[in-house]
PDB file of N, CA and C in Angstrom:
ATOM      1  N   MET A   1      46.988  87.653  68.989  1.00  0.00           N
ATOM      2  CA  MET A   1      46.557  86.692  67.758  1.00  0.00           C
ATOM      3  C   MET A   1      45.787  86.220  67.836  1.00  0.00           C
ATOM      4  N   ASP A   2      45.918  85.151  69.580  1.00  0.00           N
ATOM      5  CA  ASP A   2      44.944  84.083  69.145  1.00  0.00           C
ATOM      6  C   ASP A   2      43.548  84.128  69.708  1.00  0.00           C
ATOM      7  N   SER A   3      43.530  85.011  69.945  1.00  0.00           N
ATOM      8  CA  SER A   3      41.838  85.404  69.981  1.00  0.00           C
ATOM      9  C   SER A   3      41.382  86.460  68.943  1.00  0.00           C
ATOM     10  N   VAL A   4      42.515  86.643  68.457  1.00  0.00           N
ATOM     11  CA  VAL A   4      41.671  87.379  66.863  1.00  0.00           C
ATOM     12  C   VAL A   4      41.083  85.854  65.941  1.00  0.00           C
ATOM     13  N   ILE A   5      42.316  85.129  65.295  1.00  0.00           N
ATOM     14  CA  ILE A   5      42.220  83.635  64.731  1.00  0.00           C
ATOM     15  C   ILE A   5      41.093  83.146  65.106  1.00  0.00           C
ATOM     16  N   ARG A   6      40.813  83.387  66.774  1.00  0.00           N
ATOM     17  CA  ARG A   6      39.755  82.405  67.001  1.00  0.00           C
ATOM     18  C   ARG A   6      38.202  83.355  66.730  1.00  0.00           C
ATOM     19  N   ASP A   7      37.543  84.547  67.192  1.00  0.00           N
ATOM     20  CA  ASP A   7      37.100  85.420  66.180  1.00  0.00           C
ATOM     21  C   ASP A   7      36.759  84.921  64.565  1.00  0.00           C
ATOM     22  N   VAL A   8      38.287  85.100  63.857  1.00  0.00           N
ATOM     23  CA  VAL A   8      37.560  84.307  62.831  1.00  0.00           C
ATOM     24  C   VAL A   8      37.404  83.386  62.200  1.00  0.00           C
ATOM     25  N   LEU A   9      38.246  82.278  63.371  1.00  0.00           N
ATOM     26  CA  LEU A   9      37.146  80.640  63.448  1.00  0.00           C
ATOM     27  C   LEU A   9      35.545  80.814  63.333  1.00  0.00           C
ATOM     28  N   ILE A  10      35.549  81.098  64.413  1.00  0.00           N
ATOM     29  CA  ILE A  10      34.095  81.674  64.987  1.00  0.00           C
ATOM     30  C   ILE A  10      33.092  81.897  64.016  1.00  0.00           C
ATOM     31  N   ASN A  11      33.459  83.009  63.073  1.00  0.00           N
ATOM     32  CA  ASN A  11      32.841  83.271  62.432  1.00  0.00           C
ATOM     33  C   ASN A  11      32.474  82.884  61.097  1.00  0.00           C
ATOM     34  N   HIS A  12      33.520  82.103  60.783  1.00  0.00           N
ATOM     35  CA  HIS A  12      34.209  81.557  59.232  1.00  0.00           C
ATOM     36  C   HIS A  12      34.319  80.476  59.182  1.00  0.00           C
ATOM     37  N   ALA A  13      34.092  80.102  60.073  1.00  0.00           N
ATOM     38  CA  ALA A  13      34.721  78.552  59.838  1.00  0.00           C
ATOM     39  C   ALA A  13      33.369  77.594  60.103  1.00  0.00           C
ATOM     40  N   LYS A  14      32.438  78.130  61.161  1.00  0.00           N
ATOM     41  CA  LYS A  14      31.005  77.548  60.936  1.00  0.00           C
ATOM     42  C   LYS A  14      31.738  75.754  61.286  1.00  0.00           C
ATOM     43  N   LEU A  15      32.457  75.835  62.427  1.00  0.00           N
ATOM     44  CA  LEU A  15      32.952  74.553  63.351  1.00  0.00           C
ATOM     45  C   LEU A  15      31.506  73.887  64.066  1.00  0.00           C
ATOM     46  N   PRO A  16      31.380  72.828  64.444  1.00  0.00           N
ATOM     47  CA  PRO A  16      30.144  72.577  65.534  1.00  0.00           C
ATOM     48  C   PRO A  16      31.037  72.547  66.440  1.00  0.00           C
ATOM     49  N   VAL A  17      31.976  72.802  67.185  1.00  0.00           N
ATOM     50  CA  VAL A  17      32.948  72.992  68.655  1.00  0.00           C
ATOM     51  C   VAL A  17      32.928  73.824  69.073  1.00  0.00           C
ATOM     52  N   ASP A  18      32.804  74.073  70.408  1.00  0.00           N
ATOM     53  CA  ASP A  18      33.310  75.150  70.342  1.00  0.00           C
ATOM     54  C   ASP A  18      34.043  75.756  70.206  1.00  0.00           C
ATOM     55  N   VAL A  19      34.723  76.903  69.471  1.00  0.00           N
ATOM     56  CA  VAL A  19      36.327  77.117  69.591  1.00  0.00           C
ATOM     57  C   VAL A  19      36.826  77.670  70.761  1.00  0.00           C
ATOM     58  N   ALA A  20      36.632  77.567  71.510  1.00  0.00           N
ATOM     59  CA  ALA A  20      37.414  78.772  72.440  1.00  0.00           C
ATOM     60  C   ALA A  20      37.620  77.984  73.160  1.00  0.00           C
ATOM     61  N   GLY A  21      37.118  76.392  72.671  1.00  0.00           N
ATOM     62  CA  GLY A  21      37.961  75.905  74.128  1.00  0.00           C
ATOM     63  C   GLY A  21      38.370  74.691  73.141  1.00  0.00           C
ATOM     64  N   LEU A  22      38.987  74.680  72.134  1.00  0.00           N
ATOM     65  CA  LEU A  22      40.439  74.347  71.128  1.00  0.00           C
ATOM     66  C   LEU A  22      40.809  74.134  71.425  1.00  0.00           C
ATOM     67  N   ASP A  23      42.110  72.881  71.740  1.00  0.00           N
ATOM     68  CA  ASP A  23      43.585  73.270  71.748  1.00  0.00           C
ATOM     69  C   ASP A  23      44.258  73.512  71.015  1.00  0.00           C
ATOM     70  N   ARG A  24      45.290  74.954  70.757  1.00  0.00           N
ATOM     71  CA  ARG A  24      46.374  75.502  69.718  1.00  0.00           C
ATOM     72  C   ARG A  24      46.861  74.351  68.598  1.00  0.00           C
ATOM     73  N   ALA A  25      46.872  73.137  69.515  1.00  0.00           N
ATOM     74  CA  ALA A  25      47.086  72.382  68.195  1.00  0.00           C
ATOM     75  C   ALA A  25      46.429  71.619  67.150  1.00  0.00           C
ATOM     76  N   ALA A  26      45.017  71.753  68.497  1.00  0.00           N
ATOM     77  CA  ALA A  26      43.764  70.772  67.696  1.00  0.00           C
ATOM     78  C   ALA A  26      43.317  70.929  66.034  1.00  0.00           C
ATOM     79  N   ASP A  27      43.232  69.771  65.406  1.00  0.00           N
ATOM     80  CA  ASP A  27      42.678  69.976  63.433  1.00  0.00           C
ATOM     81  C   ASP A  27      42.037  69.834  63.483  1.00  0.00           C
ATOM     82  N   LEU A  28      41.441  71.363  62.937  1.00  0.00           N
ATOM     83  CA  LEU A  28      40.248  71.864  62.911  1.00  0.00           C
ATOM     84  C   LEU A  28      39.609  70.602  61.377  1.00  0.00           C
ATOM     85  N   TYR A  29      40.287  70.287  60.611  1.00  0.00           N
ATOM     86  CA  TYR A  29      39.759  69.905  59.819  1.00  0.00           C
ATOM     87  C   TYR A  29      39.251  68.408  60.299  1.00  0.00           C
ATOM     88  N   THR A  30      39.799  67.644  61.298  1.00  0.00           N
ATOM     89  CA  THR A  30      39.253  67.431  62.176  1.00  0.00           C
ATOM     90  C   THR A  30      37.572  67.273  63.632  1.00  0.00           C
ATOM     91  N   ALA A  31      37.921  68.807  63.396  1.00  0.00           N
ATOM     92  CA  ALA A  31      36.726  69.203  64.484  1.00  0.00           C
ATOM     93  C   ALA A  31      35.721  69.678  63.253  1.00  0.00           C
ATOM     94  N   GLY A  32      36.068  69.926  62.257  1.00  0.00           N
ATOM     95  CA  GLY A  32      34.789  69.851  61.543  1.00  0.00           C
ATOM     96  C   GLY A  32      34.923  71.103  59.629  1.00  0.00           C
ATOM     97  N   LEU A  33      36.068  71.533  59.910  1.00  0.00           N
ATOM     98  CA  LEU A  33      36.920  72.569  58.948  1.00  0.00           C
ATOM     99  C   LEU A  33      36.819  71.812  58.209  1.00  0.00           C
ATOM    100  N   THR A  34      35.813  72.599  57.226  1.00  0.00           N
ATOM    101  CA  THR A  34      35.611  72.176  55.899  1.00  0.00           C
ATOM    102  C   THR A  34      36.638  72.998  54.579  1.00  0.00           C
ATOM    103  N   SER A  35      37.019  72.160  53.214  1.00  0.00           N
ATOM    104  CA  SER A  35      37.426  72.673  52.269  1.00  0.00           C
ATOM    105  C   SER A  35      36.700  74.210  52.393  1.00  0.00           C
ATOM    106  N   HIS A  36      35.652  74.615  51.873  1.00  0.00           N
ATOM    107  CA  HIS A  36      35.112  75.175  51.560  1.00  0.00           C
ATOM    108  C   HIS A  36      35.111  76.249  52.691  1.00  0.00           C
ATOM    109  N   ALA A  37      35.065  75.896  54.359  1.00  0.00           N
ATOM    110  CA  ALA A  37      35.357  76.901  54.894  1.00  0.00           C
ATOM    111  C   ALA A  37      36.849  77.282  55.185  1.00  0.00           C
ATOM    112  N   SER A  38      37.192  77.073  54.432  1.00  0.00           N
ATOM    113  CA  SER A  38      38.874  76.937  54.808  1.00  0.00           C
ATOM    114  C   SER A  38      38.751  78.367  54.170  1.00  0.00           C
ATOM    115  N   VAL A  39      38.121  78.711  52.832  1.00  0.00           N
ATOM    116  CA  VAL A  39      38.404  79.692  52.199  1.00  0.00           C
ATOM    117  C   VAL A  39      38.423  81.060  52.711  1.00  0.00           C
ATOM    118  N   ASN A  40      37.414  80.724  53.735  1.00  0.00           N
ATOM    119  CA  ASN A  40      36.229  81.893  53.987  1.00  0.00           C
ATOM    120  C   ASN A  40      37.105  81.638  55.494  1.00  0.00           C
ATOM    121  N   VAL A  41      37.558  80.731  55.813  1.00  0.00           N
ATOM    122  CA  VAL A  41      38.688  81.397  57.292  1.00  0.00           C
ATOM    123  C   VAL A  41      39.768  82.331  56.400  1.00  0.00           C
ATOM    124  N   MET A  42      40.630  81.874  55.468  1.00  0.00           N
ATOM    125  CA  MET A  42      41.781  82.841  54.590  1.00  0.00           C
ATOM    126  C   MET A  42      41.128  84.149  54.883  1.00  0.00           C
ATOM    127  N   LEU A  43      39.987  84.078  54.511  1.00  0.00           N
ATOM    128  CA  LEU A  43      39.573  85.453  53.432  1.00  0.00           C
ATOM    129  C   LEU A  43      39.481  86.684  54.486  1.00  0.00           C
ATOM    130  N   GLY A  44      38.975  86.310  55.762  1.00  0.00           N
ATOM    131  CA  GLY A  44      38.832  86.561  57.545  1.00  0.00           C
ATOM    132  C   GLY A  44      40.153  87.160  57.774  1.00  0.00           C
ATOM    133  N   LEU A  45      41.083  85.796  58.171  1.00  0.00           N
ATOM    134  CA  LEU A  45      41.854  86.111  58.690  1.00  0.00           C
ATOM    135  C   LEU A  45      42.816  87.032  57.453  1.00  0.00           C
ATOM    136  N   GLU A  46      43.299  87.232  56.185  1.00  0.00           N
ATOM    137  CA  GLU A  46      43.478  87.971  55.474  1.00  0.00           C
ATOM    138  C   GLU A  46      42.944  89.734  56.053  1.00  0.00           C
ATOM    139  N   ASP A  47      41.426  90.150  55.892  1.00  0.00           N
ATOM    140  CA  ASP A  47      40.538  91.196  56.402  1.00  0.00           C
ATOM    141  C   ASP A  47      41.325  91.267  57.674  1.00  0.00           C
ATOM    142  N   ALA A  48      41.861  90.498  59.045  1.00  0.00           N
ATOM    143  CA  ALA A  48      41.652  91.065  60.499  1.00  0.00           C
ATOM    144  C   ALA A  48      43.143  91.294  60.131  1.00  0.00           C
ATOM    145  N   PHE A  49      43.592  91.099  59.641  1.00  0.00           N
ATOM    146  CA  PHE A  49      45.274  91.117  59.916  1.00  0.00           C
ATOM    147  C   PHE A  49      46.193  92.250  58.837  1.00  0.00           C
ATOM    148  N   ASP A  50      44.949  92.393  57.634  1.00  0.00           N
ATOM    149  CA  ASP A  50      45.154  92.679  56.049  1.00  0.00           C
ATOM    150  C   ASP A  50      46.803  92.350  55.548  1.00  0.00           C
ATOM    151  N   VAL A  51      47.069  90.898  55.740  1.00  0.00           N
ATOM    152  CA  VAL A  51      47.780  90.793  54.577  1.00  0.00           C
ATOM    153  C   VAL A  51      46.825  89.544  53.599  1.00  0.00           C
ATOM    154  N   GLU A  52      48.226  89.220  52.316  1.00  0.00           N
ATOM    155  CA  GLU A  52      47.626  88.473  51.614  1.00  0.00           C
ATOM    156  C   GLU A  52      48.417  87.270  52.097  1.00  0.00           C
ATOM    157  N   PHE A  53      47.380  86.051  51.853  1.00  0.00           N
ATOM    158  CA  PHE A  53      48.385  84.595  51.627  1.00  0.00           C
ATOM    159  C   PHE A  53      48.538  84.260  50.152  1.00  0.00           C
ATOM    160  N   PRO A  54      50.402  84.302  49.891  1.00  0.00           N
ATOM    161  CA  PRO A  54      50.848  83.803  48.374  1.00  0.00           C
ATOM    162  C   PRO A  54      50.229  82.146  48.293  1.00  0.00           C
ATOM    163  N   ASP A  55      50.038  81.774  47.256  1.00  0.00           N
ATOM    164  CA  ASP A  55      49.883  80.791  46.807  1.00  0.00           C
ATOM    165  C   ASP A  55      50.575  79.193  47.181  1.00  0.00           C
ATOM    166  N   GLU A  56      51.790  79.772  47.725  1.00  0.00           N
ATOM    167  CA  GLU A  56      52.782  78.549  48.157  1.00  0.00           C
ATOM    168  C   GLU A  56      52.429  78.427  49.850  1.00  0.00           C
ATOM    169  N   MET A  57      51.640  79.370  50.137  1.00  0.00           N
ATOM    170  CA  MET A  57      51.060  79.363  51.752  1.00  0.00           C
ATOM    171  C   MET A  57      49.707  78.536  51.648  1.00  0.00           C
ATOM    172  N   LEU A  58      48.650  77.907  50.552  1.00  0.00           N
ATOM    173  CA  LEU A  58      47.498  77.626  50.127  1.00  0.00           C
ATOM    174  C   LEU A  58      47.456  76.059  50.300  1.00  0.00           C
ATOM    175  N   ARG A  59      47.481  75.863  51.375  1.00  0.00           N
ATOM    176  CA  ARG A  59      47.482  74.970  51.386  1.00  0.00           C
ATOM    177  C   ARG A  59      46.952  74.120  52.875  1.00  0.00           C
ATOM    178  N   LYS A  60      46.602  72.674  53.173  1.00  0.00           N
ATOM    179  CA  LYS A  60      45.377  72.304  53.778  1.00  0.00           C
ATOM    180  C   LYS A  60      46.535  72.557  55.019  1.00  0.00           C
ATOM    181  N   SER A  61      47.488  71.994  55.324  1.00  0.00           N
ATOM    182  CA  SER A  61      48.126  71.974  56.487  1.00  0.00           C
ATOM    183  C   SER A  61      48.338  73.474  56.965  1.00  0.00           C
ATOM    184  N   THR A  62      48.586  74.701  56.044  1.00  0.00           N
ATOM    185  CA  THR A  62      48.475  76.137  56.887  1.00  0.00           C
ATOM    186  C   THR A  62      46.865  76.530  57.627  1.00  0.00           C
ATOM    187  N   PHE A  63      46.298  75.522  57.485  1.00  0.00           N
ATOM    188  CA  PHE A  63      45.607  76.343  57.951  1.00  0.00           C
ATOM    189  C   PHE A  63      44.449  74.604  59.191  1.00  0.00           C
ATOM    190  N   GLU A  64      45.355  73.945  59.343  1.00  0.00           N
ATOM    191  CA  GLU A  64      45.062  72.620  59.969  1.00  0.00           C
ATOM    192  C   GLU A  64      44.863  73.167  61.400  1.00  0.00           C
ATOM    193  N   SER A  65      45.301  74.151  62.321  1.00  0.00           N
ATOM    194  CA  SER A  65      45.187  74.768  63.299  1.00  0.00           C
ATOM    195  C   SER A  65      45.803  75.934  63.991  1.00  0.00           C
ATOM    196  N   ILE A  66      45.347  75.628  65.279  1.00  0.00           N
ATOM    197  CA  ILE A  66      45.436  77.606  65.549  1.00  0.00           C
ATOM    198  C   ILE A  66      46.379  77.617  65.494  1.00  0.00           C
ATOM    199  N   ALA A  67      47.697  76.604  66.302  1.00  0.00           N
ATOM    200  CA  ALA A  67      49.139  77.389  65.677  1.00  0.00           C
ATOM    201  C   ALA A  67      49.720  77.332  65.093  1.00  0.00           C
ATOM    202  N   SER A  68      49.148  76.498  63.695  1.00  0.00           N
ATOM    203  CA  SER A  68      50.437  76.301  61.405  1.00  0.00           C
ATOM    204  C   SER A  68      49.751  77.518  61.433  1.00  0.00           C
ATOM    205  N   ILE A  69      48.308  79.095  62.144  1.00  0.00           N
ATOM    206  CA  ILE A  69      47.907  79.564  61.667  1.00  0.00           C
ATOM    207  C   ILE A  69      48.982  81.013  61.753  1.00  0.00           C
ATOM    208  N   GLU A  70      49.019  80.795  62.995  1.00  0.00           N
ATOM    209  CA  GLU A  70      49.481  82.090  63.700  1.00  0.00           C
ATOM    210  C   GLU A  70      51.035  82.021  63.211  1.00  0.00           C
ATOM    211  N   GLU A  71      51.468  80.617  62.930  1.00  0.00           N
ATOM    212  CA  GLU A  71      53.440  80.223  62.631  1.00  0.00           C
ATOM    213  C   GLU A  71      52.969  81.014  60.247  1.00  0.00           C
ATOM    214  N   ALA A  72      52.012  80.691  60.042  1.00  0.00           N
ATOM    215  CA  ALA A  72      51.915  81.430  58.839  1.00  0.00           C
ATOM    216  C   ALA A  72      51.646  82.940  58.998  1.00  0.00           C
ATOM    217  N   LEU A  73      50.923  83.806  59.906  1.00  0.00           N
ATOM    218  CA  LEU A  73      50.604  84.772  59.622  1.00  0.00           C
ATOM    219  C   LEU A  73      52.584  85.329  60.527  1.00  0.00           C
ATOM    220  N   ARG A  74      52.525  84.592  60.860  1.00  0.00           N
ATOM    221  CA  ARG A  74      54.227  84.903  61.324  1.00  0.00           C
ATOM    222  C   ARG A  74      54.828  85.405  60.857  1.00  0.00           C
ATOM    223  N   ARG A  75      54.930  84.628  59.316  1.00  0.00           N
ATOM    224  CA  ARG A  75      55.971  84.574  58.691  1.00  0.00           C
ATOM    225  C   ARG A  75      55.597  85.541  57.352  1.00  0.00           C
ATOM    226  N   LEU A  76      54.353  85.826  57.487  1.00  0.00           N
ATOM    227  CA  LEU A  76      53.476  86.778  56.977  1.00  0.00           C
ATOM    228  C   LEU A  76      54.280  88.095  57.302  1.00  0.00           C
ATOM    229  N   GLY A  77      55.235  88.467  58.514  1.00  0.00           N
ATOM    230  CA  GLY A  77      55.390  89.988  58.873  1.00  0.00           C
ATOM    231  C   GLY A  77      54.364  89.802  60.491  1.00  0.00           C
ATOM    232  N   VAL A  78      53.014  89.379  60.647  1.00  0.00           N
ATOM    233  CA  VAL A  78      52.344  90.006  61.630  1.00  0.00           C
ATOM    234  C   VAL A  78      52.768  89.185  62.761  1.00  0.00           C
ATOM    235  N   GLU A  79      52.751  90.084  64.198  1.00  0.00           N
ATOM    236  CA  GLU A  79      53.448  89.855  65.085  1.00  0.00           C
ATOM    237  C   GLU A  79      52.419  90.143  66.392  1.00  0.00           C
ATOM    238  N   ASP A  80      52.517  89.231  67.156  1.00  0.00           N
ATOM    239  CA  ASP A  80      51.802  89.497  68.702  1.00  0.00           C
ATOM    240  C   ASP A  80      51.450  90.915  69.052  1.00  0.00           C
TER     241      ASP A  80
END
């Protein structure tokens, strides 16, 4: 799951840092993720994992780190 999330971040987040080197707990917003890019990341994750994020999960905290994204995907039934 981690590698797919990182691929989505590379393709959709437009971060000015090397995504491969980011710690799972690193704050993606501090790393340069914008609110606009977070929407693109969400859409990329939905496509990659064939899920849909419900409204209650559409929070900044859901997408603030690789670890928080993994937790959200697990709550949606995605397994490693």
